[in-house]
Amino acid sequence: MSKKTHSQDSNSEPKIKLSFDGCYNYDRLKKEGLVDDGEIEWDIEELKKSIRDAADEYDKLVGG
C-alpha cells in the first residue's frame, strides 16, 4: 500500500496564495500621476553639445 503525498491529496488547501494586487502596471502608475503623457521637449543645441563632448572624451580615451 502506498502513502498519499501532499500533492496527491485533493482535499488539501494550497499553502501559498498568489496575489498580484501589489504589482504596478502602466494604468495604475498613470492613475497615480506617475506617468507623464506630455510631449518631451528636446533642446537640440544641448543634445548636439553632449554628443560632441562625448566624442571628444572618446577620442581622448583611444588616443585620437
Protein backbone atom coordinates (compact mmCIF):
# COMPACT_ATOMS: atom_id res chain seq x y z
CA MET A 1 0.00 0.00 0.00
CA SER A 2 1.41 3.40 -0.98
CA LYS A 3 1.06 6.52 1.09
CA LYS A 4 -0.54 9.61 -0.39
CA THR A 5 1.75 12.56 -0.75
CA HIS A 6 0.56 16.09 -0.09
CA SER A 7 0.35 16.85 -3.80
CA GLN A 8 -1.92 13.87 -4.36
CA ASP A 9 -4.33 14.85 -1.57
CA SER A 10 -7.19 16.61 -3.34
CA ASN A 11 -8.68 17.98 -0.10
CA SER A 12 -5.60 19.94 0.94
CA GLU A 13 -5.51 23.72 0.65
CA PRO A 14 -2.53 25.36 -1.06
CA LYS A 15 -0.02 26.85 1.35
CA ILE A 16 0.68 29.82 -0.92
CA LYS A 17 -1.95 32.07 -2.39
CA LEU A 18 -0.69 34.34 -5.12
CA SER A 19 -1.87 37.91 -5.34
CA PHE A 20 -0.87 40.45 -7.93
CA ASP A 21 -2.60 43.39 -6.27
CA GLY A 22 0.75 44.96 -5.44
CA CYS A 23 2.18 44.76 -8.96
CA TYR A 24 2.38 48.09 -10.73
CA ASN A 25 1.37 48.44 -14.31
CA TYR A 26 1.14 51.37 -16.66
CA ASP A 27 -2.53 52.12 -16.00
CA ARG A 28 -2.02 52.14 -12.25
CA LEU A 29 1.06 54.36 -12.49
CA LYS A 30 -0.86 56.73 -14.77
CA LYS A 31 -3.81 56.82 -12.35
CA GLU A 32 -1.42 57.72 -9.52
CA GLY A 33 0.04 60.56 -11.58
CA LEU A 34 3.44 58.94 -12.00
CA VAL A 35 3.35 58.84 -15.81
CA ASP A 36 3.81 61.93 -17.93
CA ASP A 37 1.86 61.77 -21.20
CA GLY A 38 3.11 65.13 -22.44
CA GLU A 39 5.49 65.69 -25.29
CA ILE A 40 9.19 65.68 -24.47
CA GLU A 41 10.80 68.98 -25.29
CA TRP A 42 14.31 68.49 -26.60
CA ASP A 43 16.94 71.20 -26.62
CA ILE A 44 18.65 70.33 -29.92
CA GLU A 45 21.68 72.52 -29.28
CA GLU A 46 22.22 70.93 -25.87
CA LEU A 47 21.94 67.46 -27.42
CA LYS A 48 24.48 68.35 -30.11
CA LYS A 49 26.86 69.68 -27.46
CA SER A 50 26.50 66.49 -25.42
CA ILE A 51 27.28 64.36 -28.47
CA ARG A 52 30.35 66.47 -29.34
CA ASP A 53 31.59 66.32 -25.73
CA ALA A 54 31.14 62.53 -25.64
CA ALA A 55 33.00 62.21 -28.96
CA ASP A 56 35.86 64.37 -27.63
CA GLU A 57 36.10 62.24 -24.47
CA TYR A 58 36.12 59.07 -26.58
CA ASP A 59 38.91 60.45 -28.76
CA LYS A 60 40.96 61.19 -25.64
CA LEU A 61 40.46 57.62 -24.41
CA VAL A 62 41.51 55.98 -27.68
CA GLY A 63 44.29 58.48 -28.35
CA GLY A 64 42.72 60.06 -31.41
